Amino acid sequence: MVASHDLYQDLSLSREEVQQRRSQDSQLDQLLDQYADIDNQVLAAESISAGNAEDDDTRNLKEQRLQVKDRIVQQLQGS
């Protein structure tokens, strides 16, 4: 079963905390939108290849998602 990655658990913050900080930080808002977009692309790619070996496109999307998550963490630490 394909499931969305739980960003809030990774950040050790509640959804409400992140949303509050997001409303005060336009760059964080943009990064979270970018993360959600890439996460949706990963979910779609995993659904298409359900049960098959992961392809390069899916791996690349996951790497992009990880990079954006790292930028979100940096943004949260900086604010």
PDB file of N, CA and C in Angstrom:
ATOM      1  N   MET A   1       0.841  -1.189   0.000  1.00  0.00           N
ATOM      2  CA  MET A   1       0.000   0.000   0.000  1.00  0.00           C
ATOM      3  C   MET A   1       0.878   1.242   0.000  1.00  0.00           C
ATOM      4  N   VAL A   2       0.551   2.177  -0.839  1.00  0.00           N
ATOM      5  CA  VAL A   2       1.296   3.415  -0.973  1.00  0.00           C
ATOM      6  C   VAL A   2       0.708   4.439  -0.008  1.00  0.00           C
ATOM      7  N   ALA A   3       1.595   5.086   0.783  1.00  0.00           N
ATOM      8  CA  ALA A   3       1.135   6.082   1.750  1.00  0.00           C
ATOM      9  C   ALA A   3       2.042   7.298   1.712  1.00  0.00           C
ATOM     10  N   SER A   4       1.458   8.434   1.981  1.00  0.00           N
ATOM     11  CA  SER A   4       2.208   9.674   2.022  1.00  0.00           C
ATOM     12  C   SER A   4       3.221   9.643   3.166  1.00  0.00           C
ATOM     13  N   HIS A   5       4.365  10.259   2.926  1.00  0.00           N
ATOM     14  CA  HIS A   5       5.408  10.335   3.944  1.00  0.00           C
ATOM     15  C   HIS A   5       4.973  11.334   5.016  1.00  0.00           C
ATOM     16  N   ASP A   6       5.115  10.974   6.302  1.00  0.00           N
ATOM     17  CA  ASP A   6       4.676  11.830   7.403  1.00  0.00           C
ATOM     18  C   ASP A   6       5.761  12.855   7.744  1.00  0.00           C
ATOM     19  N   LEU A   7       5.696  13.982   7.099  1.00  0.00           N
ATOM     20  CA  LEU A   7       6.680  15.047   7.303  1.00  0.00           C
ATOM     21  C   LEU A   7       6.667  15.557   8.733  1.00  0.00           C
ATOM     22  N   TYR A   8       5.494  15.704   9.313  1.00  0.00           N
ATOM     23  CA  TYR A   8       5.386  16.278  10.659  1.00  0.00           C
ATOM     24  C   TYR A   8       6.067  15.397  11.698  1.00  0.00           C
ATOM     25  N   GLN A   9       5.971  14.102  11.540  1.00  0.00           N
ATOM     26  CA  GLN A   9       6.651  13.189  12.449  1.00  0.00           C
ATOM     27  C   GLN A   9       8.163  13.356  12.305  1.00  0.00           C
ATOM     28  N   ASP A  10       8.646  13.473  11.081  1.00  0.00           N
ATOM     29  CA  ASP A  10      10.078  13.672  10.849  1.00  0.00           C
ATOM     30  C   ASP A  10      10.571  14.974  11.468  1.00  0.00           C
ATOM     31  N   LEU A  11       9.722  15.994  11.444  1.00  0.00           N
ATOM     32  CA  LEU A  11      10.103  17.297  11.987  1.00  0.00           C
ATOM     33  C   LEU A  11       9.948  17.357  13.505  1.00  0.00           C
ATOM     34  N   SER A  12       9.286  16.360  14.074  1.00  0.00           N
ATOM     35  CA  SER A  12       8.981  16.330  15.518  1.00  0.00           C
ATOM     36  C   SER A  12       8.181  17.557  15.940  1.00  0.00           C
ATOM     37  N   LEU A  13       7.285  17.975  15.055  1.00  0.00           N
ATOM     38  CA  LEU A  13       6.392  19.103  15.316  1.00  0.00           C
ATOM     39  C   LEU A  13       4.979  18.697  14.930  1.00  0.00           C
ATOM     40  N   SER A  14       4.024  19.310  15.589  1.00  0.00           N
ATOM     41  CA  SER A  14       2.638  19.039  15.218  1.00  0.00           C
ATOM     42  C   SER A  14       2.285  19.799  13.946  1.00  0.00           C
ATOM     43  N   ARG A  15       1.242  19.361  13.311  1.00  0.00           N
ATOM     44  CA  ARG A  15       0.746  20.034  12.108  1.00  0.00           C
ATOM     45  C   ARG A  15       0.418  21.495  12.426  1.00  0.00           C
ATOM     46  N   GLU A  16      -0.177  21.724  13.606  1.00  0.00           N
ATOM     47  CA  GLU A  16      -0.562  23.082  14.003  1.00  0.00           C
ATOM     48  C   GLU A  16       0.668  23.982  14.172  1.00  0.00           C
ATOM     49  N   GLU A  17       1.730  23.445  14.774  1.00  0.00           N
ATOM     50  CA  GLU A  17       2.952  24.240  14.949  1.00  0.00           C
ATOM     51  C   GLU A  17       3.549  24.634  13.601  1.00  0.00           C
ATOM     52  N   VAL A  18       3.585  23.668  12.702  1.00  0.00           N
ATOM     53  CA  VAL A  18       4.153  23.941  11.374  1.00  0.00           C
ATOM     54  C   VAL A  18       3.283  24.947  10.631  1.00  0.00           C
ATOM     55  N   GLN A  19       1.957  24.806  10.715  1.00  0.00           N
ATOM     56  CA  GLN A  19       1.062  25.734  10.019  1.00  0.00           C
ATOM     57  C   GLN A  19       1.191  27.155  10.569  1.00  0.00           C
ATOM     58  N   GLN A  20       1.366  27.270  11.870  1.00  0.00           N
ATOM     59  CA  GLN A  20       1.537  28.592  12.463  1.00  0.00           C
ATOM     60  C   GLN A  20       2.820  29.241  11.962  1.00  0.00           C
ATOM     61  N   ARG A  21       3.900  28.488  11.961  1.00  0.00           N
ATOM     62  CA  ARG A  21       5.172  29.030  11.484  1.00  0.00           C
ATOM     63  C   ARG A  21       5.127  29.303   9.989  1.00  0.00           C
ATOM     64  N   ARG A  22       4.407  28.465   9.273  1.00  0.00           N
ATOM     65  CA  ARG A  22       4.254  28.638   7.830  1.00  0.00           C
ATOM     66  C   ARG A  22       3.575  29.962   7.513  1.00  0.00           C
ATOM     67  N   SER A  23       2.576  30.312   8.289  1.00  0.00           N
ATOM     68  CA  SER A  23       1.829  31.540   8.035  1.00  0.00           C
ATOM     69  C   SER A  23       2.673  32.786   8.269  1.00  0.00           C
ATOM     70  N   GLN A  24       3.771  32.637   8.987  1.00  0.00           N
ATOM     71  CA  GLN A  24       4.647  33.766   9.301  1.00  0.00           C
ATOM     72  C   GLN A  24       5.922  33.776   8.461  1.00  0.00           C
ATOM     73  N   ASP A  25       6.120  32.764   7.612  1.00  0.00           N
ATOM     74  CA  ASP A  25       7.373  32.624   6.863  1.00  0.00           C
ATOM     75  C   ASP A  25       7.058  32.192   5.431  1.00  0.00           C
ATOM     76  N   SER A  26       7.167  33.138   4.503  1.00  0.00           N
ATOM     77  CA  SER A  26       6.793  32.837   3.114  1.00  0.00           C
ATOM     78  C   SER A  26       7.715  31.801   2.481  1.00  0.00           C
ATOM     79  N   GLN A  27       8.988  31.788   2.850  1.00  0.00           N
ATOM     80  CA  GLN A  27       9.897  30.795   2.276  1.00  0.00           C
ATOM     81  C   GLN A  27       9.538  29.389   2.786  1.00  0.00           C
ATOM     82  N   LEU A  28       9.219  29.277   4.060  1.00  0.00           N
ATOM     83  CA  LEU A  28       8.783  27.995   4.604  1.00  0.00           C
ATOM     84  C   LEU A  28       7.499  27.548   3.907  1.00  0.00           C
ATOM     85  N   ASP A  29       6.590  28.461   3.688  1.00  0.00           N
ATOM     86  CA  ASP A  29       5.344  28.163   2.984  1.00  0.00           C
ATOM     87  C   ASP A  29       5.637  27.586   1.599  1.00  0.00           C
ATOM     88  N   GLN A  30       6.543  28.220   0.891  1.00  0.00           N
ATOM     89  CA  GLN A  30       6.910  27.768  -0.451  1.00  0.00           C
ATOM     90  C   GLN A  30       7.558  26.381  -0.401  1.00  0.00           C
ATOM     91  N   LEU A  31       8.448  26.157   0.561  1.00  0.00           N
ATOM     92  CA  LEU A  31       9.105  24.860   0.679  1.00  0.00           C
ATOM     93  C   LEU A  31       8.107  23.749   1.005  1.00  0.00           C
ATOM     94  N   LEU A  32       7.155  24.043   1.874  1.00  0.00           N
ATOM     95  CA  LEU A  32       6.148  23.042   2.223  1.00  0.00           C
ATOM     96  C   LEU A  32       5.251  22.710   1.033  1.00  0.00           C
ATOM     97  N   ASP A  33       4.924  23.715   0.230  1.00  0.00           N
ATOM     98  CA  ASP A  33       4.157  23.465  -0.999  1.00  0.00           C
ATOM     99  C   ASP A  33       4.962  22.594  -1.961  1.00  0.00           C
ATOM    100  N   GLN A  34       6.245  22.909  -2.094  1.00  0.00           N
ATOM    101  CA  GLN A  34       7.129  22.141  -2.976  1.00  0.00           C
ATOM    102  C   GLN A  34       7.234  20.693  -2.480  1.00  0.00           C
ATOM    103  N   TYR A  35       7.374  20.515  -1.169  1.00  0.00           N
ATOM    104  CA  TYR A  35       7.453  19.183  -0.590  1.00  0.00           C
ATOM    105  C   TYR A  35       6.181  18.385  -0.895  1.00  0.00           C
ATOM    106  N   ALA A  36       5.033  19.007  -0.692  1.00  0.00           N
ATOM    107  CA  ALA A  36       3.757  18.327  -0.934  1.00  0.00           C
ATOM    108  C   ALA A  36       3.631  17.915  -2.404  1.00  0.00           C
ATOM    109  N   ASP A  37       4.059  18.782  -3.303  1.00  0.00           N
ATOM    110  CA  ASP A  37       3.997  18.483  -4.728  1.00  0.00           C
ATOM    111  C   ASP A  37       4.874  17.271  -5.063  1.00  0.00           C
ATOM    112  N   ILE A  38       6.105  17.277  -4.578  1.00  0.00           N
ATOM    113  CA  ILE A  38       7.013  16.162  -4.861  1.00  0.00           C
ATOM    114  C   ILE A  38       6.509  14.879  -4.199  1.00  0.00           C
ATOM    115  N   ASP A  39       5.993  14.989  -2.983  1.00  0.00           N
ATOM    116  CA  ASP A  39       5.460  13.814  -2.295  1.00  0.00           C
ATOM    117  C   ASP A  39       4.319  13.200  -3.102  1.00  0.00           C
ATOM    118  N   ASN A  40       3.454  14.040  -3.660  1.00  0.00           N
ATOM    119  CA  ASN A  40       2.366  13.539  -4.510  1.00  0.00           C
ATOM    120  C   ASN A  40       2.902  12.843  -5.760  1.00  0.00           C
ATOM    121  N   GLN A  41       3.979  13.372  -6.319  1.00  0.00           N
ATOM    122  CA  GLN A  41       4.594  12.738  -7.480  1.00  0.00           C
ATOM    123  C   GLN A  41       5.181  11.373  -7.115  1.00  0.00           C
ATOM    124  N   VAL A  42       5.791  11.287  -5.935  1.00  0.00           N
ATOM    125  CA  VAL A  42       6.331  10.004  -5.465  1.00  0.00           C
ATOM    126  C   VAL A  42       5.196   9.001  -5.301  1.00  0.00           C
ATOM    127  N   LEU A  43       4.109   9.432  -4.675  1.00  0.00           N
ATOM    128  CA  LEU A  43       2.956   8.538  -4.482  1.00  0.00           C
ATOM    129  C   LEU A  43       2.418   8.030  -5.815  1.00  0.00           C
ATOM    130  N   ALA A  44       2.319   8.921  -6.781  1.00  0.00           N
ATOM    131  CA  ALA A  44       1.827   8.523  -8.101  1.00  0.00           C
ATOM    132  C   ALA A  44       2.776   7.530  -8.760  1.00  0.00           C
ATOM    133  N   ALA A  45       4.071   7.792  -8.670  1.00  0.00           N
ATOM    134  CA  ALA A  45       5.057   6.889  -9.270  1.00  0.00           C
ATOM    135  C   ALA A  45       5.035   5.527  -8.587  1.00  0.00           C
ATOM    136  N   GLU A  46       4.877   5.525  -7.265  1.00  0.00           N
ATOM    137  CA  GLU A  46       4.815   4.253  -6.543  1.00  0.00           C
ATOM    138  C   GLU A  46       3.537   3.493  -6.871  1.00  0.00           C
ATOM    139  N   SER A  47       2.449   4.203  -7.089  1.00  0.00           N
ATOM    140  CA  SER A  47       1.189   3.543  -7.446  1.00  0.00           C
ATOM    141  C   SER A  47       1.294   2.868  -8.807  1.00  0.00           C
ATOM    142  N   ILE A  48       1.944   3.537  -9.719  1.00  0.00           N
ATOM    143  CA  ILE A  48       2.098   2.997 -11.081  1.00  0.00           C
ATOM    144  C   ILE A  48       2.958   1.737 -11.059  1.00  0.00           C
ATOM    145  N   SER A  49       4.017   1.769 -10.240  1.00  0.00           N
ATOM    146  CA  SER A  49       4.948   0.640 -10.221  1.00  0.00           C
ATOM    147  C   SER A  49       4.674  -0.335  -9.086  1.00  0.00           C
ATOM    148  N   ALA A  50       3.494  -0.274  -8.495  1.00  0.00           N
ATOM    149  CA  ALA A  50       3.139  -1.074  -7.317  1.00  0.00           C
ATOM    150  C   ALA A  50       3.682  -2.492  -7.393  1.00  0.00           C
ATOM    151  N   GLY A  51       4.573  -2.807  -6.461  1.00  0.00           N
ATOM    152  CA  GLY A  51       5.131  -4.145  -6.379  1.00  0.00           C
ATOM    153  C   GLY A  51       6.340  -4.381  -7.250  1.00  0.00           C
ATOM    154  N   ASN A  52       6.591  -3.523  -8.201  1.00  0.00           N
ATOM    155  CA  ASN A  52       7.751  -3.672  -9.077  1.00  0.00           C
ATOM    156  C   ASN A  52       8.963  -2.959  -8.471  1.00  0.00           C
ATOM    157  N   ALA A  53      10.109  -3.263  -8.998  1.00  0.00           N
ATOM    158  CA  ALA A  53      11.335  -2.614  -8.529  1.00  0.00           C
ATOM    159  C   ALA A  53      11.241  -1.105  -8.770  1.00  0.00           C
ATOM    160  N   GLU A  54      11.815  -0.358  -7.855  1.00  0.00           N
ATOM    161  CA  GLU A  54      11.799   1.101  -7.955  1.00  0.00           C
ATOM    162  C   GLU A  54      12.650   1.544  -9.144  1.00  0.00           C
ATOM    163  N   ASP A  55      12.125   2.452  -9.947  1.00  0.00           N
ATOM    164  CA  ASP A  55      12.880   2.924 -11.097  1.00  0.00           C
ATOM    165  C   ASP A  55      13.659   4.198 -10.756  1.00  0.00           C
ATOM    166  N   ASP A  56      14.474   4.627 -11.705  1.00  0.00           N
ATOM    167  CA  ASP A  56      15.326   5.801 -11.491  1.00  0.00           C
ATOM    168  C   ASP A  56      14.509   7.063 -11.246  1.00  0.00           C
ATOM    169  N   ASP A  57      13.389   7.202 -11.949  1.00  0.00           N
ATOM    170  CA  ASP A  57      12.554   8.392 -11.765  1.00  0.00           C
ATOM    171  C   ASP A  57      12.021   8.473 -10.336  1.00  0.00           C
ATOM    172  N   THR A  58      11.571   7.354  -9.814  1.00  0.00           N
ATOM    173  CA  THR A  58      11.052   7.339  -8.445  1.00  0.00           C
ATOM    174  C   THR A  58      12.168   7.635  -7.451  1.00  0.00           C
ATOM    175  N   ARG A  59      13.328   7.045  -7.654  1.00  0.00           N
ATOM    176  CA  ARG A  59      14.475   7.330  -6.772  1.00  0.00           C
ATOM    177  C   ARG A  59      14.854   8.802  -6.816  1.00  0.00           C
ATOM    178  N   ASN A  60      14.833   9.381  -8.007  1.00  0.00           N
ATOM    179  CA  ASN A  60      15.163  10.806  -8.147  1.00  0.00           C
ATOM    180  C   ASN A  60      14.143  11.677  -7.422  1.00  0.00           C
ATOM    181  N   LEU A  61      12.875  11.326  -7.545  1.00  0.00           N
ATOM    182  CA  LEU A  61      11.832  12.083  -6.843  1.00  0.00           C
ATOM    183  C   LEU A  61      12.010  11.979  -5.334  1.00  0.00           C
ATOM    184  N   LYS A  62      12.331  10.800  -4.850  1.00  0.00           N
ATOM    185  CA  LYS A  62      12.552  10.626  -3.412  1.00  0.00           C
ATOM    186  C   LYS A  62      13.754  11.437  -2.940  1.00  0.00           C
ATOM    187  N   GLU A  63      14.787  11.499  -3.752  1.00  0.00           N
ATOM    188  CA  GLU A  63      15.960  12.304  -3.410  1.00  0.00           C
ATOM    189  C   GLU A  63      15.591  13.790  -3.374  1.00  0.00           C
ATOM    190  N   GLN A  64      14.797  14.236  -4.339  1.00  0.00           N
ATOM    191  CA  GLN A  64      14.341  15.629  -4.341  1.00  0.00           C
ATOM    192  C   GLN A  64      13.516  15.922  -3.100  1.00  0.00           C
ATOM    193  N   ARG A  65      12.643  14.987  -2.736  1.00  0.00           N
ATOM    194  CA  ARG A  65      11.806  15.161  -1.548  1.00  0.00           C
ATOM    195  C   ARG A  65      12.672  15.280  -0.299  1.00  0.00           C
ATOM    196  N   LEU A  66      13.702  14.473  -0.210  1.00  0.00           N
ATOM    197  CA  LEU A  66      14.610  14.527   0.934  1.00  0.00           C
ATOM    198  C   LEU A  66      15.355  15.858   0.982  1.00  0.00           C
ATOM    199  N   GLN A  67      15.783  16.344  -0.168  1.00  0.00           N
ATOM    200  CA  GLN A  67      16.484  17.626  -0.221  1.00  0.00           C
ATOM    201  C   GLN A  67      15.580  18.765   0.233  1.00  0.00           C
ATOM    202  N   VAL A  68      14.332  18.741  -0.199  1.00  0.00           N
ATOM    203  CA  VAL A  68      13.387  19.783   0.210  1.00  0.00           C
ATOM    204  C   VAL A  68      13.125  19.677   1.707  1.00  0.00           C
ATOM    205  N   LYS A  69      12.987  18.449   2.207  1.00  0.00           N
ATOM    206  CA  LYS A  69      12.772  18.272   3.651  1.00  0.00           C
ATOM    207  C   LYS A  69      13.951  18.845   4.440  1.00  0.00           C
ATOM    208  N   ASP A  70      15.168  18.615   3.963  1.00  0.00           N
ATOM    209  CA  ASP A  70      16.347  19.172   4.635  1.00  0.00           C
ATOM    210  C   ASP A  70      16.308  20.700   4.639  1.00  0.00           C
ATOM    211  N   ARG A  71      15.840  21.285   3.544  1.00  0.00           N
ATOM    212  CA  ARG A  71      15.718  22.749   3.482  1.00  0.00           C
ATOM    213  C   ARG A  71      14.633  23.250   4.427  1.00  0.00           C
ATOM    214  N   ILE A  72      13.564  22.479   4.584  1.00  0.00           N
ATOM    215  CA  ILE A  72      12.500  22.834   5.528  1.00  0.00           C
ATOM    216  C   ILE A  72      13.056  22.826   6.945  1.00  0.00           C
ATOM    217  N   VAL A  73      13.816  21.803   7.278  1.00  0.00           N
ATOM    218  CA  VAL A  73      14.426  21.715   8.610  1.00  0.00           C
ATOM    219  C   VAL A  73      15.325  22.919   8.852  1.00  0.00           C
ATOM    220  N   GLN A  74      16.142  23.257   7.878  1.00  0.00           N
ATOM    221  CA  GLN A  74      17.024  24.426   8.001  1.00  0.00           C
ATOM    222  C   GLN A  74      16.215  25.696   8.203  1.00  0.00           C
ATOM    223  N   GLN A  75      15.135  25.851   7.454  1.00  0.00           N
ATOM    224  CA  GLN A  75      14.300  27.046   7.550  1.00  0.00           C
ATOM    225  C   GLN A  75      13.647  27.119   8.935  1.00  0.00           C
ATOM    226  N   LEU A  76      13.195  25.992   9.441  1.00  0.00           N
ATOM    227  CA  LEU A  76      12.572  25.964  10.754  1.00  0.00           C
ATOM    228  C   LEU A  76      13.582  26.283  11.859  1.00  0.00           C
ATOM    229  N   GLN A  77      14.792  25.828  11.705  1.00  0.00           N
ATOM    230  CA  GLN A  77      15.828  26.095  12.691  1.00  0.00           C
ATOM    231  C   GLN A  77      16.289  27.542  12.650  1.00  0.00           C
ATOM    232  N   GLY A  78      16.203  28.135  11.474  1.00  0.00           N
ATOM    233  CA  GLY A  78      16.660  29.517  11.310  1.00  0.00           C
ATOM    234  C   GLY A  78      15.647  30.556  11.739  1.00  0.00           C
ATOM    235  N   SER A  79      14.398  30.151  11.888  1.00  0.00           N
ATOM    236  CA  SER A  79      13.365  31.134  12.223  1.00  0.00           C
ATOM    237  C   SER A  79      13.002  31.097  13.688  1.00  0.00           C
TER     238      SER A  79
END
